Structures are given as structure tokens and as C-alpha cells.
Amino acid sequence: MTAAERRQRWFEVCLVLLVACGGFFLRSLYLLMDGPGAKEQISSFRWTGGIVQEVAALLLLGYVLSRRGLRFAKLGFRWSLRDAAMGLLNIAS
């Protein structure tokens, strides 16, 4: 592996981590500096924002893996419709 490939790999890893965890990290810093305010309610906007962030992180990870000729299954991620349905049922209850 050349130095350029190594740099690109580290860039891709950092990019995936930034997209996946950056918002949570900034929110934590905000709470650390300003302290918690009144009891915050989880609004539908925050839920939607969280879902969009997670989907974007998974899409970016999928793109980076595809550039390497890999798939999610190579990382150990496996899913089925039954698992997705069980997850949705757990959220609803």
C-alpha cells in the first residue's frame, strides 16, 4: 500500500466518523459549555434529523466500502425483513 492510498484510507475513515458522530459530539460540547437547560423535549424535527444523519452515515460508509470492492456483509452486518419488523415493533411499543 502506497502512502497516497494510506492517506486516502484515513481520510475516508475520518469522513465516515465525522458524519456518523460529528453532530453528537458538537451537541455534547454545547451541553458541556452551557449546561443543560430546561427539560428538553424530543421533537419530531430532532428525530428526523437523527434519522437523516444516520442514513447519510450509512450511505457514506457504503460508498467507501464499494470503492474498496467490499460490502456491509464483509463487516459482519447482516439483516433480514424479520429483524427490521421486530425493530419497528420495539420502537412502537
PDB file of N, CA and C in Angstrom:
ATOM      1  N   MET A   1       0.845  -1.172   0.000  1.00  0.00           N
ATOM      2  CA  MET A   1       0.000   0.000   0.000  1.00  0.00           C
ATOM      3  C   MET A   1       0.894   1.239   0.000  1.00  0.00           C
ATOM      4  N   THR A   2       0.612   2.141  -0.915  1.00  0.00           N
ATOM      5  CA  THR A   2       1.414   3.350  -1.025  1.00  0.00           C
ATOM      6  C   THR A   2       0.981   4.368   0.017  1.00  0.00           C
ATOM      7  N   ALA A   3       1.789   5.399   0.161  1.00  0.00           N
ATOM      8  CA  ALA A   3       1.470   6.455   1.125  1.00  0.00           C
ATOM      9  C   ALA A   3       0.198   7.190   0.726  1.00  0.00           C
ATOM     10  N   ALA A   4      -0.021   7.382  -0.573  1.00  0.00           N
ATOM     11  CA  ALA A   4      -1.233   8.069  -1.032  1.00  0.00           C
ATOM     12  C   ALA A   4      -2.477   7.247  -0.714  1.00  0.00           C
ATOM     13  N   GLU A   5      -2.414   5.928  -0.908  1.00  0.00           N
ATOM     14  CA  GLU A   5      -3.554   5.070  -0.576  1.00  0.00           C
ATOM     15  C   GLU A   5      -3.825   5.080   0.921  1.00  0.00           C
ATOM     16  N   ARG A   6      -2.771   5.081   1.707  1.00  0.00           N
ATOM     17  CA  ARG A   6      -2.923   5.112   3.159  1.00  0.00           C
ATOM     18  C   ARG A   6      -3.582   6.421   3.604  1.00  0.00           C
ATOM     19  N   ARG A   7      -3.150   7.544   3.020  1.00  0.00           N
ATOM     20  CA  ARG A   7      -3.760   8.839   3.347  1.00  0.00           C
ATOM     21  C   ARG A   7      -5.230   8.866   2.957  1.00  0.00           C
ATOM     22  N   GLN A   8      -5.544   8.324   1.779  1.00  0.00           N
ATOM     23  CA  GLN A   8      -6.930   8.298   1.327  1.00  0.00           C
ATOM     24  C   GLN A   8      -7.779   7.434   2.252  1.00  0.00           C
ATOM     25  N   ARG A   9      -7.244   6.313   2.674  1.00  0.00           N
ATOM     26  CA  ARG A   9      -7.994   5.435   3.585  1.00  0.00           C
ATOM     27  C   ARG A   9      -8.280   6.138   4.903  1.00  0.00           C
ATOM     28  N   TRP A  10      -7.291   6.835   5.467  1.00  0.00           N
ATOM     29  CA  TRP A  10      -7.502   7.555   6.721  1.00  0.00           C
ATOM     30  C   TRP A  10      -8.509   8.692   6.528  1.00  0.00           C
ATOM     31  N   PHE A  11      -8.431   9.367   5.382  1.00  0.00           N
ATOM     32  CA  PHE A  11      -9.395  10.424   5.095  1.00  0.00           C
ATOM     33  C   PHE A  11     -10.813   9.856   5.058  1.00  0.00           C
ATOM     34  N   GLU A  12     -10.997   8.725   4.393  1.00  0.00           N
ATOM     35  CA  GLU A  12     -12.318   8.122   4.288  1.00  0.00           C
ATOM     36  C   GLU A  12     -12.832   7.678   5.652  1.00  0.00           C
ATOM     37  N   VAL A  13     -11.976   7.096   6.474  1.00  0.00           N
ATOM     38  CA  VAL A  13     -12.385   6.674   7.817  1.00  0.00           C
ATOM     39  C   VAL A  13     -12.798   7.887   8.644  1.00  0.00           C
ATOM     40  N   CYS A  14     -12.003   8.944   8.595  1.00  0.00           N
ATOM     41  CA  CYS A  14     -12.328  10.151   9.360  1.00  0.00           C
ATOM     42  C   CYS A  14     -13.611  10.801   8.855  1.00  0.00           C
ATOM     43  N   LEU A  15     -13.833  10.770   7.551  1.00  0.00           N
ATOM     44  CA  LEU A  15     -15.049  11.337   6.985  1.00  0.00           C
ATOM     45  C   LEU A  15     -16.285  10.566   7.455  1.00  0.00           C
ATOM     46  N   VAL A  16     -16.220   9.260   7.450  1.00  0.00           N
ATOM     47  CA  VAL A  16     -17.346   8.450   7.923  1.00  0.00           C
ATOM     48  C   VAL A  16     -17.601   8.721   9.410  1.00  0.00           C
ATOM     49  N   LEU A  17     -16.546   8.786  10.213  1.00  0.00           N
ATOM     50  CA  LEU A  17     -16.715   9.060  11.641  1.00  0.00           C
ATOM     51  C   LEU A  17     -17.272  10.456  11.889  1.00  0.00           C
ATOM     52  N   LEU A  18     -16.832  11.428  11.096  1.00  0.00           N
ATOM     53  CA  LEU A  18     -17.338  12.790  11.252  1.00  0.00           C
ATOM     54  C   LEU A  18     -18.829  12.863  10.947  1.00  0.00           C
ATOM     55  N   VAL A  19     -19.240  12.229   9.873  1.00  0.00           N
ATOM     56  CA  VAL A  19     -20.666  12.244   9.521  1.00  0.00           C
ATOM     57  C   VAL A  19     -21.482  11.467  10.550  1.00  0.00           C
ATOM     58  N   ALA A  20     -20.952  10.334  11.009  1.00  0.00           N
ATOM     59  CA  ALA A  20     -21.707   9.486  11.937  1.00  0.00           C
ATOM     60  C   ALA A  20     -21.775  10.077  13.341  1.00  0.00           C
ATOM     61  N   CYS A  21     -20.702  10.698  13.810  1.00  0.00           N
ATOM     62  CA  CYS A  21     -20.634  11.119  15.209  1.00  0.00           C
ATOM     63  C   CYS A  21     -20.477  12.620  15.414  1.00  0.00           C
ATOM     64  N   GLY A  22     -20.263  13.371  14.351  1.00  0.00           N
ATOM     65  CA  GLY A  22     -19.983  14.803  14.488  1.00  0.00           C
ATOM     66  C   GLY A  22     -21.090  15.581  15.172  1.00  0.00           C
ATOM     67  N   GLY A  23     -22.326  15.345  14.782  1.00  0.00           N
ATOM     68  CA  GLY A  23     -23.448  16.060  15.389  1.00  0.00           C
ATOM     69  C   GLY A  23     -23.585  15.774  16.878  1.00  0.00           C
ATOM     70  N   PHE A  24     -23.410  14.523  17.249  1.00  0.00           N
ATOM     71  CA  PHE A  24     -23.498  14.148  18.668  1.00  0.00           C
ATOM     72  C   PHE A  24     -22.364  14.778  19.468  1.00  0.00           C
ATOM     73  N   PHE A  25     -21.179  14.826  18.864  1.00  0.00           N
ATOM     74  CA  PHE A  25     -20.027  15.427  19.536  1.00  0.00           C
ATOM     75  C   PHE A  25     -20.257  16.924  19.760  1.00  0.00           C
ATOM     76  N   LEU A  26     -20.737  17.627  18.732  1.00  0.00           N
ATOM     77  CA  LEU A  26     -20.991  19.061  18.878  1.00  0.00           C
ATOM     78  C   LEU A  26     -22.082  19.321  19.908  1.00  0.00           C
ATOM     79  N   ARG A  27     -23.119  18.502  19.911  1.00  0.00           N
ATOM     80  CA  ARG A  27     -24.195  18.650  20.901  1.00  0.00           C
ATOM     81  C   ARG A  27     -23.660  18.446  22.314  1.00  0.00           C
ATOM     82  N   SER A  28     -22.779  17.479  22.483  1.00  0.00           N
ATOM     83  CA  SER A  28     -22.181  17.230  23.795  1.00  0.00           C
ATOM     84  C   SER A  28     -21.325  18.408  24.247  1.00  0.00           C
ATOM     85  N   LEU A  29     -20.555  18.978  23.329  1.00  0.00           N
ATOM     86  CA  LEU A  29     -19.754  20.159  23.669  1.00  0.00           C
ATOM     87  C   LEU A  29     -20.644  21.335  24.065  1.00  0.00           C
ATOM     88  N   TYR A  30     -21.744  21.520  23.337  1.00  0.00           N
ATOM     89  CA  TYR A  30     -22.683  22.587  23.653  1.00  0.00           C
ATOM     90  C   TYR A  30     -23.240  22.408  25.066  1.00  0.00           C
ATOM     91  N   LEU A  31     -23.652  21.192  25.390  1.00  0.00           N
ATOM     92  CA  LEU A  31     -24.196  20.933  26.724  1.00  0.00           C
ATOM     93  C   LEU A  31     -23.134  21.076  27.802  1.00  0.00           C
ATOM     94  N   LEU A  32     -21.900  20.721  27.475  1.00  0.00           N
ATOM     95  CA  LEU A  32     -20.806  20.847  28.440  1.00  0.00           C
ATOM     96  C   LEU A  32     -20.526  22.310  28.758  1.00  0.00           C
ATOM     97  N   MET A  33     -20.566  23.161  27.734  1.00  0.00           N
ATOM     98  CA  MET A  33     -20.251  24.579  27.941  1.00  0.00           C
ATOM     99  C   MET A  33     -21.416  25.359  28.537  1.00  0.00           C
ATOM    100  N   ASP A  34     -22.626  25.132  28.054  1.00  0.00           N
ATOM    101  CA  ASP A  34     -23.776  25.915  28.501  1.00  0.00           C
ATOM    102  C   ASP A  34     -24.577  25.237  29.597  1.00  0.00           C
ATOM    103  N   GLY A  35     -24.339  23.978  29.820  1.00  0.00           N
ATOM    104  CA  GLY A  35     -25.103  23.252  30.814  1.00  0.00           C
ATOM    105  C   GLY A  35     -26.476  22.900  30.280  1.00  0.00           C
ATOM    106  N   PRO A  36     -27.081  21.917  30.891  1.00  0.00           N
ATOM    107  CA  PRO A  36     -28.415  21.530  30.417  1.00  0.00           C
ATOM    108  C   PRO A  36     -29.430  22.613  30.766  1.00  0.00           C
ATOM    109  N   GLY A  37     -30.316  22.876  29.839  1.00  0.00           N
ATOM    110  CA  GLY A  37     -31.367  23.857  30.065  1.00  0.00           C
ATOM    111  C   GLY A  37     -32.561  23.182  30.702  1.00  0.00           C
ATOM    112  N   ALA A  38     -33.711  23.755  30.445  1.00  0.00           N
ATOM    113  CA  ALA A  38     -34.942  23.126  30.917  1.00  0.00           C
ATOM    114  C   ALA A  38     -35.065  21.761  30.248  1.00  0.00           C
ATOM    115  N   LYS A  39     -35.903  20.945  30.795  1.00  0.00           N
ATOM    116  CA  LYS A  39     -36.073  19.599  30.249  1.00  0.00           C
ATOM    117  C   LYS A  39     -36.416  19.687  28.764  1.00  0.00           C
ATOM    118  N   GLU A  40     -35.533  19.147  27.964  1.00  0.00           N
ATOM    119  CA  GLU A  40     -35.725  19.218  26.525  1.00  0.00           C
ATOM    120  C   GLU A  40     -36.676  18.126  26.073  1.00  0.00           C
ATOM    121  N   GLN A  41     -37.537  18.490  25.163  1.00  0.00           N
ATOM    122  CA  GLN A  41     -38.442  17.513  24.605  1.00  0.00           C
ATOM    123  C   GLN A  41     -37.864  17.024  23.287  1.00  0.00           C
ATOM    124  N   ILE A  42     -38.045  15.773  23.038  1.00  0.00           N
ATOM    125  CA  ILE A  42     -37.582  15.224  21.775  1.00  0.00           C
ATOM    126  C   ILE A  42     -38.656  15.487  20.734  1.00  0.00           C
ATOM    127  N   SER A  43     -38.368  16.403  19.853  1.00  0.00           N
ATOM    128  CA  SER A  43     -39.350  16.783  18.850  1.00  0.00           C
ATOM    129  C   SER A  43     -39.221  15.897  17.620  1.00  0.00           C
ATOM    130  N   SER A  44     -40.221  15.972  16.782  1.00  0.00           N
ATOM    131  CA  SER A  44     -40.167  15.193  15.543  1.00  0.00           C
ATOM    132  C   SER A  44     -39.053  15.704  14.645  1.00  0.00           C
ATOM    133  N   PHE A  45     -38.713  16.992  14.748  1.00  0.00           N
ATOM    134  CA  PHE A  45     -37.611  17.539  13.971  1.00  0.00           C
ATOM    135  C   PHE A  45     -36.287  16.894  14.377  1.00  0.00           C
ATOM    136  N   ARG A  46     -36.072  16.710  15.674  1.00  0.00           N
ATOM    137  CA  ARG A  46     -34.832  16.071  16.140  1.00  0.00           C
ATOM    138  C   ARG A  46     -34.788  14.612  15.724  1.00  0.00           C
ATOM    139  N   TRP A  47     -35.945  13.920  15.777  1.00  0.00           N
ATOM    140  CA  TRP A  47     -35.989  12.525  15.321  1.00  0.00           C
ATOM    141  C   TRP A  47     -35.636  12.444  13.843  1.00  0.00           C
ATOM    142  N   THR A  48     -36.238  13.326  13.053  1.00  0.00           N
ATOM    143  CA  THR A  48     -35.984  13.332  11.613  1.00  0.00           C
ATOM    144  C   THR A  48     -34.524  13.655  11.332  1.00  0.00           C
ATOM    145  N   GLY A  49     -33.986  14.637  12.033  1.00  0.00           N
ATOM    146  CA  GLY A  49     -32.576  14.986  11.857  1.00  0.00           C
ATOM    147  C   GLY A  49     -31.655  13.828  12.201  1.00  0.00           C
ATOM    148  N   GLY A  50     -31.966  13.118  13.264  1.00  0.00           N
ATOM    149  CA  GLY A  50     -31.163  11.959  13.650  1.00  0.00           C
ATOM    150  C   GLY A  50     -31.224  10.843  12.626  1.00  0.00           C
ATOM    151  N   ILE A  51     -32.414  10.614  12.098  1.00  0.00           N
ATOM    152  CA  ILE A  51     -32.564   9.562  11.080  1.00  0.00           C
ATOM    153  C   ILE A  51     -31.809   9.940   9.818  1.00  0.00           C
ATOM    154  N   VAL A  52     -31.922  11.207   9.404  1.00  0.00           N
ATOM    155  CA  VAL A  52     -31.206  11.660   8.207  1.00  0.00           C
ATOM    156  C   VAL A  52     -29.700  11.526   8.404  1.00  0.00           C
ATOM    157  N   GLN A  53     -29.214  11.887   9.585  1.00  0.00           N
ATOM    158  CA  GLN A  53     -27.780  11.777   9.857  1.00  0.00           C
ATOM    159  C   GLN A  53     -27.317  10.323   9.807  1.00  0.00           C
ATOM    160  N   GLU A  54     -28.076   9.425  10.385  1.00  0.00           N
ATOM    161  CA  GLU A  54     -27.683   8.018  10.386  1.00  0.00           C
ATOM    162  C   GLU A  54     -27.729   7.415   8.987  1.00  0.00           C
ATOM    163  N   VAL A  55     -28.759   7.766   8.210  1.00  0.00           N
ATOM    164  CA  VAL A  55     -28.856   7.261   6.843  1.00  0.00           C
ATOM    165  C   VAL A  55     -27.691   7.795   6.006  1.00  0.00           C
ATOM    166  N   ALA A  56     -27.359   9.079   6.193  1.00  0.00           N
ATOM    167  CA  ALA A  56     -26.235   9.659   5.452  1.00  0.00           C
ATOM    168  C   ALA A  56     -24.927   8.956   5.816  1.00  0.00           C
ATOM    169  N   ALA A  57     -24.745   8.640   7.095  1.00  0.00           N
ATOM    170  CA  ALA A  57     -23.530   7.951   7.515  1.00  0.00           C
ATOM    171  C   ALA A  57     -23.460   6.556   6.904  1.00  0.00           C
ATOM    172  N   LEU A  58     -24.581   5.847   6.871  1.00  0.00           N
ATOM    173  CA  LEU A  58     -24.588   4.508   6.268  1.00  0.00           C
ATOM    174  C   LEU A  58     -24.354   4.562   4.769  1.00  0.00           C
ATOM    175  N   LEU A  59     -24.942   5.562   4.106  1.00  0.00           N
ATOM    176  CA  LEU A  59     -24.706   5.705   2.671  1.00  0.00           C
ATOM    177  C   LEU A  59     -23.246   6.028   2.377  1.00  0.00           C
ATOM    178  N   LEU A  60     -22.658   6.903   3.181  1.00  0.00           N
ATOM    179  CA  LEU A  60     -21.242   7.231   3.004  1.00  0.00           C
ATOM    180  C   LEU A  60     -20.373   6.013   3.260  1.00  0.00           C
ATOM    181  N   LEU A  61     -20.681   5.262   4.300  1.00  0.00           N
ATOM    182  CA  LEU A  61     -19.926   4.044   4.573  1.00  0.00           C
ATOM    183  C   LEU A  61     -20.073   3.050   3.428  1.00  0.00           C
ATOM    184  N   GLY A  62     -21.283   2.915   2.897  1.00  0.00           N
ATOM    185  CA  GLY A  62     -21.493   2.029   1.753  1.00  0.00           C
ATOM    186  C   GLY A  62     -20.684   2.459   0.545  1.00  0.00           C
ATOM    187  N   TYR A  63     -20.609   3.771   0.311  1.00  0.00           N
ATOM    188  CA  TYR A  63     -19.817   4.288  -0.802  1.00  0.00           C
ATOM    189  C   TYR A  63     -18.333   3.983  -0.616  1.00  0.00           C
ATOM    190  N   VAL A  64     -17.837   4.238   0.583  1.00  0.00           N
ATOM    191  CA  VAL A  64     -16.415   3.979   0.854  1.00  0.00           C
ATOM    192  C   VAL A  64     -16.116   2.485   0.707  1.00  0.00           C
ATOM    193  N   LEU A  65     -16.996   1.645   1.211  1.00  0.00           N
ATOM    194  CA  LEU A  65     -16.787   0.203   1.066  1.00  0.00           C
ATOM    195  C   LEU A  65     -16.818  -0.215  -0.398  1.00  0.00           C
ATOM    196  N   SER A  66     -17.743   0.362  -1.173  1.00  0.00           N
ATOM    197  CA  SER A  66     -17.833  -0.025  -2.584  1.00  0.00           C
ATOM    198  C   SER A  66     -16.582   0.376  -3.360  1.00  0.00           C
ATOM    199  N   ARG A  67     -15.951   1.471  -2.960  1.00  0.00           N
ATOM    200  CA  ARG A  67     -14.693   1.877  -3.611  1.00  0.00           C
ATOM    201  C   ARG A  67     -13.602   0.842  -3.380  1.00  0.00           C
ATOM    202  N   ARG A  68     -13.707   0.134  -2.286  1.00  0.00           N
ATOM    203  CA  ARG A  68     -12.723  -0.900  -1.959  1.00  0.00           C
ATOM    204  C   ARG A  68     -13.153  -2.275  -2.461  1.00  0.00           C
ATOM    205  N   GLY A  69     -14.342  -2.357  -3.057  1.00  0.00           N
ATOM    206  CA  GLY A  69     -14.849  -3.636  -3.541  1.00  0.00           C
ATOM    207  C   GLY A  69     -15.405  -4.510  -2.430  1.00  0.00           C
ATOM    208  N   LEU A  70     -15.855  -3.878  -1.348  1.00  0.00           N
ATOM    209  CA  LEU A  70     -16.395  -4.612  -0.200  1.00  0.00           C
ATOM    210  C   LEU A  70     -17.881  -4.324  -0.048  1.00  0.00           C
ATOM    211  N   ARG A  71     -18.527  -5.102   0.806  1.00  0.00           N
ATOM    212  CA  ARG A  71     -19.945  -4.913   1.120  1.00  0.00           C
ATOM    213  C   ARG A  71     -20.114  -4.890   2.633  1.00  0.00           C
ATOM    214  N   PHE A  72     -21.304  -4.475   3.070  1.00  0.00           N
ATOM    215  CA  PHE A  72     -21.588  -4.427   4.505  1.00  0.00           C
ATOM    216  C   PHE A  72     -21.432  -5.803   5.152  1.00  0.00           C
ATOM    217  N   ALA A  73     -21.772  -6.846   4.429  1.00  0.00           N
ATOM    218  CA  ALA A  73     -21.670  -8.201   4.977  1.00  0.00           C
ATOM    219  C   ALA A  73     -20.233  -8.541   5.350  1.00  0.00           C
ATOM    220  N   LYS A  74     -19.278  -7.956   4.653  1.00  0.00           N
ATOM    221  CA  LYS A  74     -17.864  -8.208   4.958  1.00  0.00           C
ATOM    222  C   LYS A  74     -17.501  -7.668   6.347  1.00  0.00           C
ATOM    223  N   LEU A  75     -18.240  -6.643   6.790  1.00  0.00           N
ATOM    224  CA  LEU A  75     -18.027  -6.082   8.130  1.00  0.00           C
ATOM    225  C   LEU A  75     -18.803  -6.830   9.207  1.00  0.00           C
ATOM    226  N   GLY A  76     -19.658  -7.753   8.773  1.00  0.00           N
ATOM    227  CA  GLY A  76     -20.453  -8.506   9.727  1.00  0.00           C
ATOM    228  C   GLY A  76     -21.883  -8.020   9.849  1.00  0.00           C
ATOM    229  N   PHE A  77     -22.260  -7.003   9.056  1.00  0.00           N
ATOM    230  CA  PHE A  77     -23.631  -6.511   9.087  1.00  0.00           C
ATOM    231  C   PHE A  77     -24.506  -7.430   8.257  1.00  0.00           C
ATOM    232  N   ARG A  78     -25.516  -7.962   8.889  1.00  0.00           N
ATOM    233  CA  ARG A  78     -26.495  -8.764   8.183  1.00  0.00           C
ATOM    234  C   ARG A  78     -27.868  -8.346   8.695  1.00  0.00           C
ATOM    235  N   TRP A  79     -28.838  -8.352   7.824  1.00  0.00           N
ATOM    236  CA  TRP A  79     -30.186  -8.002   8.246  1.00  0.00           C
ATOM    237  C   TRP A  79     -31.181  -8.822   7.458  1.00  0.00           C
ATOM    238  N   SER A  80     -32.358  -8.865   8.008  1.00  0.00           N
ATOM    239  CA  SER A  80     -33.453  -9.552   7.335  1.00  0.00           C
ATOM    240  C   SER A  80     -34.718  -8.732   7.563  1.00  0.00           C
ATOM    241  N   LEU A  81     -35.735  -9.015   6.778  1.00  0.00           N
ATOM    242  CA  LEU A  81     -37.000  -8.305   6.959  1.00  0.00           C
ATOM    243  C   LEU A  81     -37.600  -8.598   8.327  1.00  0.00           C
ATOM    244  N   ARG A  82     -37.386  -9.809   8.804  1.00  0.00           N
ATOM    245  CA  ARG A  82     -37.894 -10.175  10.140  1.00  0.00           C
ATOM    246  C   ARG A  82     -37.237  -9.306  11.212  1.00  0.00           C
ATOM    247  N   ASP A  83     -35.921  -9.093  11.116  1.00  0.00           N
ATOM    248  CA  ASP A  83     -35.225  -8.252  12.091  1.00  0.00           C
ATOM    249  C   ASP A  83     -35.722  -6.807  12.025  1.00  0.00           C
ATOM    250  N   ALA A  84     -35.935  -6.305  10.812  1.00  0.00           N
ATOM    251  CA  ALA A  84     -36.430  -4.935  10.653  1.00  0.00           C
ATOM    252  C   ALA A  84     -37.828  -4.800  11.251  1.00  0.00           C
ATOM    253  N   ALA A  85     -38.678  -5.778  11.032  1.00  0.00           N
ATOM    254  CA  ALA A  85     -40.034  -5.737  11.578  1.00  0.00           C
ATOM    255  C   ALA A  85     -39.996  -5.782  13.107  1.00  0.00           C
ATOM    256  N   MET A  86     -39.139  -6.615  13.661  1.00  0.00           N
ATOM    257  CA  MET A  86     -39.018  -6.685  15.129  1.00  0.00           C
ATOM    258  C   MET A  86     -38.524  -5.359  15.697  1.00  0.00           C
ATOM    259  N   GLY A  87     -37.604  -4.731  15.011  1.00  0.00           N
ATOM    260  CA  GLY A  87     -37.114  -3.419  15.466  1.00  0.00           C
ATOM    261  C   GLY A  87     -38.205  -2.374  15.453  1.00  0.00           C
ATOM    262  N   LEU A  88     -38.991  -2.370  14.384  1.00  0.00           N
ATOM    263  CA  LEU A  88     -40.104  -1.412  14.309  1.00  0.00           C
ATOM    264  C   LEU A  88     -41.150  -1.678  15.383  1.00  0.00           C
ATOM    265  N   LEU A  89     -41.400  -2.944  15.675  1.00  0.00           N
ATOM    266  CA  LEU A  89     -42.349  -3.272  16.738  1.00  0.00           C
ATOM    267  C   LEU A  89     -41.828  -2.819  18.096  1.00  0.00           C
ATOM    268  N   ASN A  90     -40.537  -2.933  18.314  1.00  0.00           N
ATOM    269  CA  ASN A  90     -39.953  -2.495  19.579  1.00  0.00           C
ATOM    270  C   ASN A  90     -40.026  -0.978  19.728  1.00  0.00           C
ATOM    271  N   ILE A  91     -39.866  -0.262  18.624  1.00  0.00           N
ATOM    272  CA  ILE A  91     -39.964   1.197  18.680  1.00  0.00           C
ATOM    273  C   ILE A  91     -41.392   1.623  18.977  1.00  0.00           C
ATOM    274  N   ALA A  92     -42.345   0.943  18.358  1.00  0.00           N
ATOM    275  CA  ALA A  92     -43.754   1.309  18.519  1.00  0.00           C
ATOM    276  C   ALA A  92     -44.252   1.057  19.937  1.00  0.00           C
ATOM    277  N   SER A  93     -43.669   0.104  20.631  1.00  0.00           N
ATOM    278  CA  SER A  93     -44.195  -0.202  21.978  1.00  0.00           C
ATOM    279  C   SER A  93     -43.567   0.612  23.068  1.00  0.00           C
TER     280      SER A  93
END
